[in-house]
N, C-alpha and C. Protein backbone atom coordinates (compact mmCIF):
# COMPACT_ATOMS: atom_id res chain seq x y z
N UNK A 1 57.22 -57.46 -13.33
CA UNK A 1 57.21 -57.95 -12.29
C UNK A 1 57.22 -58.21 -11.02
N UNK A 2 58.12 -57.92 -9.91
CA UNK A 2 59.17 -59.40 -9.49
C UNK A 2 58.35 -59.98 -8.28
N UNK A 3 58.64 -61.42 -8.22
CA UNK A 3 58.36 -62.45 -8.28
C UNK A 3 58.35 -62.68 -6.96
N UNK A 4 58.26 -63.44 -5.90
CA UNK A 4 58.85 -63.23 -4.53
C UNK A 4 59.32 -64.83 -4.15
N UNK A 5 60.84 -64.36 -4.67
CA UNK A 5 62.07 -65.41 -4.74
C UNK A 5 62.80 -65.07 -3.94
N UNK A 6 63.54 -65.88 -2.49
CA UNK A 6 63.69 -65.53 -1.39
C UNK A 6 64.98 -67.06 -0.88
N UNK A 7 65.99 -65.74 -0.71
CA UNK A 7 66.92 -66.74 -0.62
C UNK A 7 67.45 -66.66 1.12
N UNK A 8 67.42 -68.19 1.30
CA UNK A 8 66.93 -68.48 3.41
C UNK A 8 68.70 -68.64 3.36
N UNK A 9 69.02 -67.97 5.14
CA UNK A 9 70.32 -68.38 5.14
C UNK A 9 69.90 -68.06 6.95
N UNK A 10 71.60 -68.77 7.35
CA UNK A 10 71.75 -68.64 9.07
C UNK A 10 70.53 -69.72 9.52
N UNK A 11 70.40 -69.29 10.58
CA UNK A 11 69.43 -70.66 11.57
C UNK A 11 67.72 -70.19 10.51
N UNK A 12 67.20 -71.58 11.00
CA UNK A 12 65.77 -71.45 10.62
C UNK A 12 65.33 -70.82 11.37
N UNK A 13 64.07 -70.23 9.89
CA UNK A 13 63.18 -70.10 11.10
C UNK A 13 61.95 -70.84 11.83
N UNK A 14 61.62 -70.90 13.53
CA UNK A 14 61.47 -72.21 13.95
C UNK A 14 62.14 -72.43 15.27
N UNK A 15 63.59 -72.39 14.50
CA UNK A 15 65.17 -71.89 15.82
C UNK A 15 64.83 -70.67 16.28
N UNK A 16 65.75 -69.54 14.93
CA UNK A 16 65.79 -68.60 15.49
C UNK A 16 64.45 -67.85 16.52
N UNK A 17 65.44 -66.82 16.94
CA UNK A 17 64.46 -65.58 17.80
C UNK A 17 64.34 -64.57 16.65
N UNK A 18 65.49 -64.36 16.47
CA UNK A 18 65.77 -63.06 15.07
C UNK A 18 65.68 -63.51 13.75
N UNK A 19 65.41 -62.14 13.09
CA UNK A 19 65.36 -61.91 11.44
C UNK A 19 65.81 -61.14 11.00
N UNK A 20 66.30 -60.90 10.51
CA UNK A 20 67.28 -60.40 9.00
C UNK A 20 66.89 -60.32 7.88
N UNK A 21 66.16 -59.74 6.75
CA UNK A 21 65.82 -59.17 5.66
C UNK A 21 67.11 -58.06 5.19
N UNK A 22 67.65 -58.74 4.14
CA UNK A 22 68.50 -58.08 3.35
C UNK A 22 68.52 -57.87 2.34
N UNK A 23 68.39 -56.69 1.33
CA UNK A 23 67.83 -56.44 0.19
C UNK A 23 68.79 -55.88 -0.91
N UNK A 24 69.77 -56.28 -1.75
CA UNK A 24 70.26 -56.17 -2.38
C UNK A 24 70.82 -54.98 -3.36
N UNK A 25 71.58 -54.49 -3.57
CA UNK A 25 71.71 -53.11 -4.89
C UNK A 25 71.23 -53.61 -5.66
N UNK A 26 71.36 -52.02 -7.02
CA UNK A 26 71.15 -52.79 -8.12
C UNK A 26 72.09 -53.31 -9.09
N UNK A 27 71.71 -54.15 -10.02
CA UNK A 27 73.02 -55.05 -10.39
C UNK A 27 74.16 -55.89 -9.79
N UNK A 28 73.34 -56.41 -8.05
CA UNK A 28 73.57 -57.15 -7.38
C UNK A 28 72.79 -58.32 -7.24
N UNK A 29 72.92 -59.34 -5.90
CA UNK A 29 71.77 -60.04 -6.29
C UNK A 29 71.79 -60.95 -4.59
N UNK A 30 70.67 -61.43 -4.28
CA UNK A 30 70.79 -61.63 -2.66
C UNK A 30 71.76 -63.02 -2.08
N UNK A 31 72.76 -63.41 -3.04
CA UNK A 31 73.46 -64.28 -2.79
C UNK A 31 74.88 -63.15 -2.39
N UNK A 32 75.16 -61.87 -3.65
CA UNK A 32 75.44 -61.24 -2.63
C UNK A 32 75.52 -60.72 -1.57
N UNK A 33 74.46 -60.14 -1.32
CA UNK A 33 74.01 -58.86 0.90
C UNK A 33 74.11 -59.99 0.89
N UNK A 34 74.09 -61.72 1.13
CA UNK A 34 74.09 -62.61 1.74
C UNK A 34 75.51 -62.38 2.69
N UNK A 35 76.11 -62.36 1.74
CA UNK A 35 77.40 -62.27 1.85
C UNK A 35 77.90 -61.51 3.15
N UNK A 36 77.32 -60.66 3.08
CA UNK A 36 77.54 -59.58 4.39
C UNK A 36 77.47 -60.05 5.57
N UNK A 37 76.63 -60.67 5.41
CA UNK A 37 76.39 -61.48 6.80
C UNK A 37 77.44 -61.61 7.28
N UNK A 38 78.37 -62.86 7.09
CA UNK A 38 79.91 -62.97 7.60
C UNK A 38 80.75 -61.47 8.90
N UNK A 39 79.88 -61.00 8.33
CA UNK A 39 81.02 -59.76 8.74
C UNK A 39 80.33 -58.90 9.73
N UNK A 40 78.48 -59.45 10.32
CA UNK A 40 77.63 -59.03 11.17
C UNK A 40 77.74 -59.76 12.04
N UNK A 41 77.50 -59.35 13.41
CA UNK A 41 77.28 -61.01 14.68
C UNK A 41 75.52 -60.98 14.57
N UNK A 42 75.40 -61.67 12.97
CA UNK A 42 73.74 -62.63 13.56
C UNK A 42 74.21 -63.91 12.88
N UNK A 43 74.68 -64.72 13.70
CA UNK A 43 75.38 -65.82 13.92
C UNK A 43 73.32 -66.70 14.01
N UNK A 44 72.75 -65.92 14.40
CA UNK A 44 72.00 -66.52 15.96
C UNK A 44 70.72 -66.07 14.60
N UNK A 45 71.00 -65.70 13.69
CA UNK A 45 69.14 -64.98 12.90
C UNK A 45 68.95 -65.75 11.56
N UNK A 46 67.77 -65.84 11.87
CA UNK A 46 67.24 -66.40 10.43
C UNK A 46 67.63 -65.05 9.28
N UNK A 47 67.81 -65.12 7.64
CA UNK A 47 68.30 -64.70 6.98
C UNK A 47 67.71 -64.90 5.75
N UNK A 48 67.39 -63.61 5.54
CA UNK A 48 65.97 -63.65 4.32
C UNK A 48 66.54 -62.59 3.44
N UNK A 49 67.43 -63.25 2.01
CA UNK A 49 67.57 -62.08 1.28
C UNK A 49 66.12 -62.23 -0.44
N UNK A 50 65.51 -61.31 -0.10
CA UNK A 50 65.14 -61.63 -2.22
C UNK A 50 65.31 -61.71 -2.74
N UNK A 51 65.22 -61.83 -4.00
CA UNK A 51 66.43 -61.51 -5.09
C UNK A 51 64.85 -60.55 -5.75
N UNK A 52 65.45 -59.37 -6.36
CA UNK A 52 64.57 -58.54 -7.65
C UNK A 52 64.64 -59.10 -8.96
N UNK A 53 63.70 -59.16 -10.19
CA UNK A 53 63.97 -59.97 -11.54
C UNK A 53 64.63 -58.83 -12.05
N UNK A 54 65.46 -59.44 -12.38
CA UNK A 54 66.40 -58.61 -13.43
C UNK A 54 67.16 -57.92 -12.16
N UNK A 55 67.40 -58.31 -11.72
CA UNK A 55 69.21 -57.84 -10.45
C UNK A 55 68.57 -55.96 -10.08
N UNK A 56 67.40 -56.16 -10.33
CA UNK A 56 67.76 -54.47 -10.07
C UNK A 56 65.58 -54.03 -9.62
N UNK A 57 65.98 -53.20 -8.21
CA UNK A 57 64.36 -53.32 -7.99
C UNK A 57 63.52 -52.24 -8.54
N UNK A 58 63.98 -51.18 -9.45
CA UNK A 58 63.47 -50.34 -10.12
C UNK A 58 64.45 -50.01 -11.10
N UNK A 59 63.57 -49.66 -12.34
CA UNK A 59 64.08 -49.09 -13.44
C UNK A 59 64.95 -47.85 -13.35
N UNK A 60 64.96 -46.56 -12.25
CA UNK A 60 65.12 -45.25 -12.32
C UNK A 60 65.67 -45.05 -11.62
N UNK A 61 66.38 -43.95 -11.02
CA UNK A 61 67.23 -42.81 -10.06
C UNK A 61 65.98 -43.44 -9.29
N UNK A 62 66.44 -43.14 -7.60
CA UNK A 62 65.71 -43.39 -6.13
C UNK A 62 64.54 -41.96 -6.18
N UNK A 63 65.70 -41.31 -6.70
CA UNK A 63 65.15 -40.05 -7.15
C UNK A 63 64.12 -39.48 -8.24
N UNK A 64 63.79 -40.42 -9.44
CA UNK A 64 62.95 -39.88 -10.06
C UNK A 64 61.45 -39.99 -8.95
N UNK A 65 60.37 -39.38 -10.58
CA UNK A 65 59.83 -39.26 -9.36
C UNK A 65 58.49 -41.14 -9.66
N UNK A 66 57.51 -41.09 -8.44
CA UNK A 66 57.69 -42.23 -7.60
C UNK A 66 57.15 -43.05 -8.95
N UNK A 67 56.14 -42.71 -9.83
CA UNK A 67 55.67 -43.14 -11.03
C UNK A 67 56.38 -42.60 -11.75
N UNK A 68 57.40 -43.11 -12.26
CA UNK A 68 58.25 -43.44 -13.04
C UNK A 68 58.97 -44.92 -12.64
N UNK A 69 58.78 -44.88 -11.77
CA UNK A 69 59.89 -46.26 -11.19
C UNK A 69 58.36 -47.47 -11.20
N UNK A 70 56.71 -46.91 -11.49
CA UNK A 70 55.81 -48.43 -11.55
C UNK A 70 56.26 -49.18 -12.29
N UNK A 71 55.32 -50.26 -12.57
CA UNK A 71 55.03 -50.95 -11.48
C UNK A 71 56.00 -51.80 -10.16
N UNK A 72 57.11 -50.83 -10.47
CA UNK A 72 58.08 -52.02 -10.37
C UNK A 72 57.98 -51.51 -8.95
N UNK A 73 58.09 -50.55 -8.12
CA UNK A 73 58.59 -50.17 -6.98
C UNK A 73 57.55 -50.69 -5.45
N UNK A 74 55.84 -50.91 -6.39
CA UNK A 74 55.27 -51.42 -5.02
C UNK A 74 55.25 -53.03 -4.83
N UNK A 75 55.87 -53.47 -6.38
CA UNK A 75 56.26 -54.87 -6.38
C UNK A 75 57.54 -54.89 -5.50
N UNK A 76 57.81 -53.96 -5.29
CA UNK A 76 59.31 -53.86 -4.26
C UNK A 76 59.06 -54.45 -3.18
N UNK A 77 58.39 -53.32 -3.17
CA UNK A 77 57.95 -52.82 -1.16
C UNK A 77 56.37 -53.88 -1.57
N UNK A 78 55.48 -54.38 -2.01
CA UNK A 78 55.71 -55.87 -1.79
C UNK A 78 55.93 -57.14 -0.99
N UNK A 79 57.14 -56.93 -2.24
CA UNK A 79 57.44 -58.48 -2.00
C UNK A 79 58.25 -58.05 -0.63
N UNK A 80 59.07 -57.39 0.19
CA UNK A 80 59.00 -57.16 1.52
C UNK A 80 57.81 -57.16 2.49
N UNK A 81 57.25 -56.80 1.87
CA UNK A 81 55.77 -56.67 3.04
C UNK A 81 55.60 -58.04 2.99
N UNK A 82 55.26 -59.08 2.06
CA UNK A 82 54.64 -60.29 2.32
C UNK A 82 55.99 -60.88 3.03
N UNK A 83 57.00 -61.00 2.65
CA UNK A 83 58.01 -61.74 3.23
C UNK A 83 58.33 -61.67 4.62
N UNK A 84 58.24 -59.81 5.00
CA UNK A 84 57.47 -59.42 6.66
C UNK A 84 56.48 -60.58 7.34
N UNK A 85 55.52 -60.42 6.70
CA UNK A 85 53.53 -61.39 6.86
C UNK A 85 54.59 -62.57 7.26
N UNK A 86 55.63 -63.53 6.39
CA UNK A 86 56.46 -64.73 6.47
C UNK A 86 56.84 -64.96 7.51
N UNK A 87 57.67 -63.70 8.25
CA UNK A 87 58.72 -64.33 9.19
C UNK A 87 57.20 -63.42 10.93
N UNK A 88 56.66 -63.03 10.45
CA UNK A 88 55.53 -62.78 11.49
C UNK A 88 55.11 -64.09 12.42
N UNK A 89 54.85 -64.53 10.15
CA UNK A 89 54.20 -65.62 11.22
C UNK A 89 54.33 -67.07 11.67
N UNK A 90 55.70 -67.12 11.15
CA UNK A 90 56.83 -68.03 11.49
C UNK A 90 56.39 -67.77 13.58
N UNK A 91 56.69 -66.48 13.63
CA UNK A 91 56.52 -66.54 15.16
C UNK A 91 57.12 -65.54 16.11
N UNK A 92 57.99 -64.59 14.75
CA UNK A 92 59.39 -63.67 15.08
C UNK A 92 58.64 -62.04 15.25
N UNK A 93 58.43 -61.37 16.24
CA UNK A 93 58.22 -60.74 16.90
C UNK A 93 58.35 -59.64 15.65
N UNK A 94 57.69 -58.34 15.61
CA UNK A 94 58.46 -57.36 14.54
C UNK A 94 59.40 -56.16 15.76
N UNK A 95 59.62 -56.60 16.59
CA UNK A 95 60.61 -55.74 17.52
C UNK A 95 62.04 -56.41 17.12
N UNK A 96 61.80 -58.50 16.52
CA UNK A 96 63.12 -59.19 16.45
C UNK A 96 63.13 -59.00 15.05
N UNK A 97 62.61 -57.98 13.75
CA UNK A 97 63.01 -58.51 12.91
C UNK A 97 63.69 -57.39 12.30
N UNK A 98 64.89 -57.87 12.05
CA UNK A 98 66.10 -56.27 11.19
C UNK A 98 66.21 -56.05 9.48
N UNK A 99 66.58 -55.35 8.85
CA UNK A 99 66.34 -54.77 7.85
C UNK A 99 67.80 -54.66 7.63
N UNK A 100 68.45 -55.03 6.08
CA UNK A 100 69.51 -54.34 5.88
C UNK A 100 69.27 -53.96 4.29
N UNK A 101 70.19 -52.76 3.88
CA UNK A 101 70.18 -52.94 1.96
C UNK A 101 70.92 -52.26 2.06
N UNK A 102 71.63 -52.37 0.86
CA UNK A 102 72.81 -51.34 0.37
C UNK A 102 72.55 -50.82 -0.87
N UNK A 103 72.97 -49.27 -1.60
CA UNK A 103 72.90 -48.44 -2.26
C UNK A 103 71.22 -48.82 -2.81
N UNK A 104 70.77 -49.21 -3.81
CA UNK A 104 69.14 -49.32 -4.03
C UNK A 104 68.50 -49.79 -3.30
N UNK A 105 69.31 -51.23 -2.87
CA UNK A 105 68.13 -52.14 -1.73
C UNK A 105 68.30 -51.05 -0.36
N UNK A 106 69.38 -50.28 0.26
CA UNK A 106 69.47 -49.53 2.04
C UNK A 106 68.00 -48.37 1.15
N UNK A 107 67.85 -47.46 0.04
CA UNK A 107 66.80 -47.12 0.07
C UNK A 107 65.73 -47.85 -0.67
N UNK A 108 64.92 -48.89 -0.48
CA UNK A 108 63.94 -49.70 -0.98
C UNK A 108 63.69 -49.79 1.04
N UNK A 109 64.93 -50.08 1.44
CA UNK A 109 64.96 -50.97 2.87
C UNK A 109 64.52 -49.14 3.78
N UNK A 110 65.00 -48.55 3.95
CA UNK A 110 64.41 -47.31 4.48
C UNK A 110 62.52 -46.60 4.21
N UNK A 111 62.74 -47.19 2.53
CA UNK A 111 61.20 -46.54 2.30
C UNK A 111 60.24 -47.65 2.64
N UNK A 112 60.11 -49.05 2.61
CA UNK A 112 59.77 -49.62 3.23
C UNK A 112 59.44 -48.95 4.95
N UNK A 113 60.41 -49.69 5.60
CA UNK A 113 60.33 -49.21 7.44
C UNK A 113 59.81 -47.90 6.79
N UNK A 114 59.45 -46.87 7.03
CA UNK A 114 59.52 -45.80 7.39
C UNK A 114 57.87 -45.78 6.44
N UNK A 115 57.22 -46.43 5.41
CA UNK A 115 55.89 -46.52 5.17
C UNK A 115 54.98 -47.68 6.29
N UNK A 116 55.81 -48.52 7.40
CA UNK A 116 56.04 -49.46 8.01
C UNK A 116 56.29 -49.32 9.22
N UNK A 117 56.10 -47.79 9.35
CA UNK A 117 56.80 -47.45 10.68
C UNK A 117 57.01 -48.13 12.07
N UNK A 118 56.67 -49.13 12.96
CA UNK A 118 56.59 -50.32 14.18
C UNK A 118 58.04 -50.08 14.86
N UNK A 119 58.30 -50.57 16.01
CA UNK A 119 59.14 -50.72 16.59
C UNK A 119 60.25 -52.46 16.08
N UNK A 120 61.46 -52.05 15.68
CA UNK A 120 61.84 -52.83 14.48
C UNK A 120 63.08 -52.84 15.50
N UNK A 121 63.60 -54.45 15.17
CA UNK A 121 64.89 -54.80 15.72
C UNK A 121 66.49 -53.77 15.76
N UNK A 122 66.02 -53.27 14.42
CA UNK A 122 66.40 -52.24 13.54
C UNK A 122 67.43 -52.17 11.60
N UNK A 123 67.27 -50.74 11.50
CA UNK A 123 67.77 -51.11 10.48
C UNK A 123 68.27 -50.23 9.81
N UNK A 124 69.48 -50.73 8.91
CA UNK A 124 70.72 -50.27 8.37
C UNK A 124 71.06 -50.15 6.79
N UNK A 125 71.03 -48.95 7.06
CA UNK A 125 70.49 -47.89 5.20
C UNK A 125 72.42 -48.10 4.24
N UNK A 126 73.02 -48.72 3.83
CA UNK A 126 74.28 -48.84 3.52
C UNK A 126 73.89 -47.27 2.36
N UNK A 127 73.71 -46.96 2.38
CA UNK A 127 74.08 -45.81 0.92
C UNK A 127 73.08 -46.03 0.35
N UNK A 128 72.03 -44.59 1.46
CA UNK A 128 70.58 -44.92 0.84
C UNK A 128 69.45 -43.52 1.29
N UNK A 129 68.36 -43.75 0.54
CA UNK A 129 67.37 -42.43 1.03
C UNK A 129 66.20 -42.44 0.71
N UNK A 130 65.41 -41.96 1.09
CA UNK A 130 63.84 -42.00 1.33
C UNK A 130 63.38 -41.67 -0.89
N UNK A 131 62.61 -42.20 -1.67
CA UNK A 131 62.41 -42.55 -2.80
C UNK A 131 61.56 -41.62 -3.12
N UNK A 132 61.99 -41.02 -4.11
CA UNK A 132 60.74 -40.38 -5.28
C UNK A 132 61.92 -38.89 -5.95
N UNK A 133 61.51 -38.10 -6.42
CA UNK A 133 61.74 -37.03 -6.97
C UNK A 133 62.05 -35.47 -4.97
N UNK A 134 61.08 -35.64 -4.75
CA UNK A 134 60.58 -34.91 -3.66
C UNK A 134 60.55 -35.89 -2.26
N UNK A 135 60.36 -36.06 -1.40
CA UNK A 135 60.07 -36.70 -0.23
C UNK A 135 58.45 -36.88 0.12
N UNK A 136 57.69 -37.65 0.74
CA UNK A 136 56.33 -37.42 -0.31
C UNK A 136 56.02 -37.36 1.33
N UNK A 137 55.95 -37.59 2.55
CA UNK A 137 55.61 -37.36 3.75
C UNK A 137 54.51 -38.38 3.55
N UNK A 138 53.23 -37.83 2.61
CA UNK A 138 51.93 -38.71 3.13
C UNK A 138 52.24 -39.81 2.92
N UNK A 139 53.36 -40.39 2.31
CA UNK A 139 53.32 -42.25 2.26
C UNK A 139 53.37 -42.41 3.50
N UNK A 140 54.03 -42.23 4.81
CA UNK A 140 54.72 -42.61 5.81
C UNK A 140 53.91 -42.74 6.97
N UNK A 141 54.34 -43.15 7.20
CA UNK A 141 53.23 -43.67 9.27
C UNK A 141 53.74 -44.79 10.23
N UNK A 142 53.04 -44.27 11.37
CA UNK A 142 53.61 -45.09 12.18
C UNK A 142 54.12 -44.24 12.81
N UNK A 143 54.70 -45.47 13.90
CA UNK A 143 55.68 -44.24 15.14
C UNK A 143 56.99 -45.84 15.18
N UNK A 144 58.59 -45.39 15.28
CA UNK A 144 59.66 -46.69 15.81
C UNK A 144 59.28 -45.97 16.80
N UNK A 145 59.10 -46.25 17.79
CA UNK A 145 59.40 -45.56 18.84
C UNK A 145 61.00 -46.51 19.52
N UNK A 146 61.53 -45.35 18.99
CA UNK A 146 62.55 -46.06 19.39
C UNK A 146 63.52 -46.82 18.86
N UNK A 147 63.43 -47.30 17.61
CA UNK A 147 64.15 -48.64 16.86
C UNK A 147 65.74 -48.00 16.19
N UNK A 148 66.60 -48.37 16.86
CA UNK A 148 67.63 -48.03 16.14
C UNK A 148 68.19 -47.87 14.28
N UNK A 149 68.23 -47.08 14.25
CA UNK A 149 68.56 -47.46 12.32
C UNK A 149 69.87 -46.64 12.68
N UNK A 150 70.82 -47.49 11.15
CA UNK A 150 72.08 -46.42 10.79
C UNK A 150 72.04 -46.10 9.89
N UNK A 151 72.57 -45.02 9.41
CA UNK A 151 72.62 -44.90 8.35
C UNK A 151 73.82 -44.46 7.40
N UNK A 152 74.94 -45.16 6.29
CA UNK A 152 75.63 -44.62 6.23
C UNK A 152 76.05 -43.74 4.60
N UNK A 153 76.76 -42.77 4.67
CA UNK A 153 77.55 -42.69 2.91
C UNK A 153 78.41 -41.81 3.49
N UNK A 154 78.70 -41.82 1.68
CA UNK A 154 79.38 -40.99 1.00
C UNK A 154 79.50 -39.34 0.66
N UNK A 155 80.24 -38.57 0.55
CA UNK A 155 79.75 -37.58 -0.23
C UNK A 155 81.48 -36.72 -0.33
N UNK A 156 81.17 -36.90 -2.06
CA UNK A 156 80.27 -36.82 -2.40
C UNK A 156 79.20 -38.50 -2.65
N UNK A 157 78.31 -38.62 -3.13
CA UNK A 157 78.86 -40.36 -4.05
C UNK A 157 77.47 -40.17 -4.78
N UNK A 158 77.91 -40.64 -5.87
CA UNK A 158 77.46 -40.37 -7.27
C UNK A 158 75.87 -41.10 -7.81
N UNK A 159 75.28 -41.95 -6.74
CA UNK A 159 73.77 -41.68 -6.90
C UNK A 159 73.36 -41.41 -5.45
N UNK A 160 73.67 -40.49 -4.58
CA UNK A 160 72.72 -40.65 -3.51
C UNK A 160 73.23 -39.35 -2.84
N UNK A 161 72.14 -37.88 -3.51
CA UNK A 161 72.36 -37.15 -2.73
C UNK A 161 72.85 -37.07 -1.52
N UNK A 162 74.03 -36.02 -0.24
CA UNK A 162 73.34 -35.87 1.10
C UNK A 162 72.68 -35.49 1.85
N UNK A 163 72.40 -34.20 0.57
CA UNK A 163 70.86 -33.46 1.11
C UNK A 163 69.79 -34.41 1.04
N UNK A 164 69.68 -35.45 0.36
CA UNK A 164 68.52 -36.72 0.88
C UNK A 164 68.62 -37.90 1.78
N UNK A 165 69.98 -37.80 2.34
CA UNK A 165 70.61 -38.03 3.53
C UNK A 165 69.49 -38.15 4.72
N UNK A 166 70.28 -36.36 4.30
CA UNK A 166 70.48 -35.73 5.36
C UNK A 166 68.35 -35.50 6.49
N UNK A 167 67.97 -35.24 4.95
CA UNK A 167 66.67 -35.50 5.31
C UNK A 167 65.64 -36.47 5.37
N UNK A 168 65.82 -37.65 5.07
CA UNK A 168 65.64 -39.32 5.82
C UNK A 168 65.98 -39.02 6.36
N UNK A 169 66.81 -38.80 7.31
CA UNK A 169 66.69 -39.40 9.29
C UNK A 169 66.26 -37.95 9.43
N UNK A 170 65.99 -37.22 8.65
CA UNK A 170 64.94 -36.20 9.98
C UNK A 170 63.78 -36.94 9.94
N UNK A 171 63.35 -36.78 8.96
CA UNK A 171 62.07 -37.88 8.61
C UNK A 171 62.12 -38.98 9.68
N UNK A 172 62.85 -39.54 10.34
CA UNK A 172 62.81 -40.62 10.07
C UNK A 172 63.15 -40.81 12.12
N UNK A 173 63.45 -39.48 12.33
CA UNK A 173 64.19 -38.72 13.50
C UNK A 173 62.61 -38.38 14.26
N UNK A 174 61.61 -38.35 13.62
CA UNK A 174 60.51 -36.91 14.03
C UNK A 174 59.73 -38.39 14.02
N UNK A 175 59.92 -40.12 13.60
CA UNK A 175 58.85 -40.89 13.95
C UNK A 175 58.64 -41.46 14.71
N UNK A 176 60.03 -41.19 15.27
CA UNK A 176 60.74 -41.81 16.85
C UNK A 176 62.20 -42.66 16.75
N UNK A 177 62.16 -43.15 15.68
CA UNK A 177 63.44 -43.82 15.40
C UNK A 177 64.51 -42.80 15.88
N UNK A 178 65.30 -44.26 15.80
CA UNK A 178 66.96 -43.39 16.71
C UNK A 178 67.75 -44.09 16.32
N UNK A 179 68.04 -42.82 15.28
CA UNK A 179 69.38 -42.65 14.27
C UNK A 179 70.53 -42.07 14.37
N UNK A 180 71.47 -43.33 13.67
CA UNK A 180 72.91 -42.43 13.95
C UNK A 180 73.21 -42.41 12.88
N UNK A 181 73.39 -40.95 12.10
CA UNK A 181 74.36 -41.20 10.66
C UNK A 181 75.41 -40.96 10.37
N UNK A 182 76.15 -40.93 9.72
CA UNK A 182 77.48 -41.41 9.52
C UNK A 182 77.67 -40.86 7.38
N UNK A 183 78.30 -39.82 7.86
CA UNK A 183 78.47 -39.04 6.30
C UNK A 183 80.16 -39.28 6.20
N UNK A 184 80.82 -39.89 5.00
CA UNK A 184 82.26 -40.33 4.99
C UNK A 184 83.24 -39.27 3.88
N UNK A 185 83.97 -38.74 3.58
CA UNK A 185 84.48 -37.73 2.66
C UNK A 185 85.20 -39.09 1.66
N UNK A 186 84.55 -38.37 0.84
CA UNK A 186 85.16 -39.42 -0.99
C UNK A 186 85.56 -40.90 -0.41
N UNK A 187 83.90 -41.62 0.28
CA UNK A 187 84.65 -42.86 0.39
C UNK A 187 84.42 -43.82 -0.15
N UNK A 188 83.10 -43.25 -1.72
CA UNK A 188 82.74 -44.01 -2.93
C UNK A 188 81.78 -44.68 -2.86
N UNK A 189 81.35 -45.31 -3.79
CA UNK A 189 79.66 -46.15 -3.72
C UNK A 189 79.94 -47.91 -3.18
N UNK A 190 80.36 -48.30 -1.60
CA UNK A 190 80.76 -48.93 -1.07
C UNK A 190 80.56 -48.52 0.41
N UNK A 191 80.76 -50.03 0.59
CA UNK A 191 80.41 -50.02 2.13
C UNK A 191 81.94 -50.24 3.40
N UNK A 192 82.56 -49.47 4.28
CA UNK A 192 83.50 -49.57 4.44
C UNK A 192 83.56 -50.26 5.96
N UNK A 193 84.52 -50.04 6.47
CA UNK A 193 84.51 -51.52 7.61
C UNK A 193 84.22 -50.50 8.51
N UNK A 194 84.34 -48.98 9.13
CA UNK A 194 83.16 -48.53 10.42
C UNK A 194 81.72 -48.53 10.30
N UNK A 195 81.61 -48.68 8.69
CA UNK A 195 79.95 -49.00 8.40
C UNK A 195 79.85 -50.24 9.56
N UNK A 196 80.85 -50.76 9.04
CA UNK A 196 80.79 -52.56 9.51
C UNK A 196 80.44 -52.39 10.37
N UNK A 197 80.89 -51.72 11.05
CA UNK A 197 81.22 -51.70 13.25
C UNK A 197 80.60 -50.94 13.12
N UNK A 198 80.16 -50.42 12.76
CA UNK A 198 78.37 -49.32 13.66
C UNK A 198 77.31 -49.66 13.41
N UNK A 199 77.28 -50.72 12.31
CA UNK A 199 76.06 -51.48 12.06
C UNK A 199 75.58 -53.08 13.70
N UNK A 200 77.09 -53.27 13.91
CA UNK A 200 77.26 -53.81 14.74
C UNK A 200 77.07 -54.11 16.00
N UNK A 201 77.28 -52.71 16.03
CA UNK A 201 77.85 -52.40 17.43
C UNK A 201 76.00 -51.07 17.94
N UNK A 202 75.72 -50.71 17.07
CA UNK A 202 73.87 -50.25 17.18
C UNK A 202 73.08 -50.61 16.97
N UNK A 203 73.03 -52.23 16.08
CA UNK A 203 72.12 -52.49 15.46
C UNK A 203 71.63 -53.42 16.13
N UNK A 204 72.94 -54.50 15.89
CA UNK A 204 73.06 -56.17 16.26
C UNK A 204 73.48 -56.52 17.52
N UNK A 205 73.13 -55.33 18.29
CA UNK A 205 74.62 -55.09 19.54
C UNK A 205 73.73 -56.80 20.54
N UNK A 206 72.85 -56.30 20.61
CA UNK A 206 72.10 -57.46 21.32
C UNK A 206 72.20 -58.96 21.29
N UNK A 207 72.74 -59.12 20.36
CA UNK A 207 72.97 -60.54 18.85
C UNK A 207 74.00 -61.91 20.10
């Protein structure tokens, strides 16, 4: 199971008024995803990147039945929940907590925030969608109250079907997130400069 191993960077809590939780992809690492921060306007943020056991948050595709990815999926969500609780305990309010993930980390980002919808600073999903063999609406509750969300993906993407991205955007929108979705033709499974620009302008714009 996952243990809470978090790499911290940026301003330390106590000094920072904003926090960014960064979730790496399958086969990636906390250090990898933290490297993205240098391309984003988050100099004044406290940065937190949890590390998945064996570099993967759950063993199978995010499109597998959730029970097939247990207990890892629940464990991953619990790590994020505990980290958010720690950030709040340090004095940073939910509306100043931001989330960002790539690939498997983007799926986990969307799954976490949609299960725990609230007014957050914002969320960025670089190639991801809500988790499951279908969308389990009963798992999602709360109100995003206008939280800005950016979701970018490739058409096609080898791991994340566009229809799941579209369906995820609709769920978040219905829960009052302000979602900007961009689909890039034949981008491949990566992050492009336009996505970085979109995230910088839409999500971190007040930094």
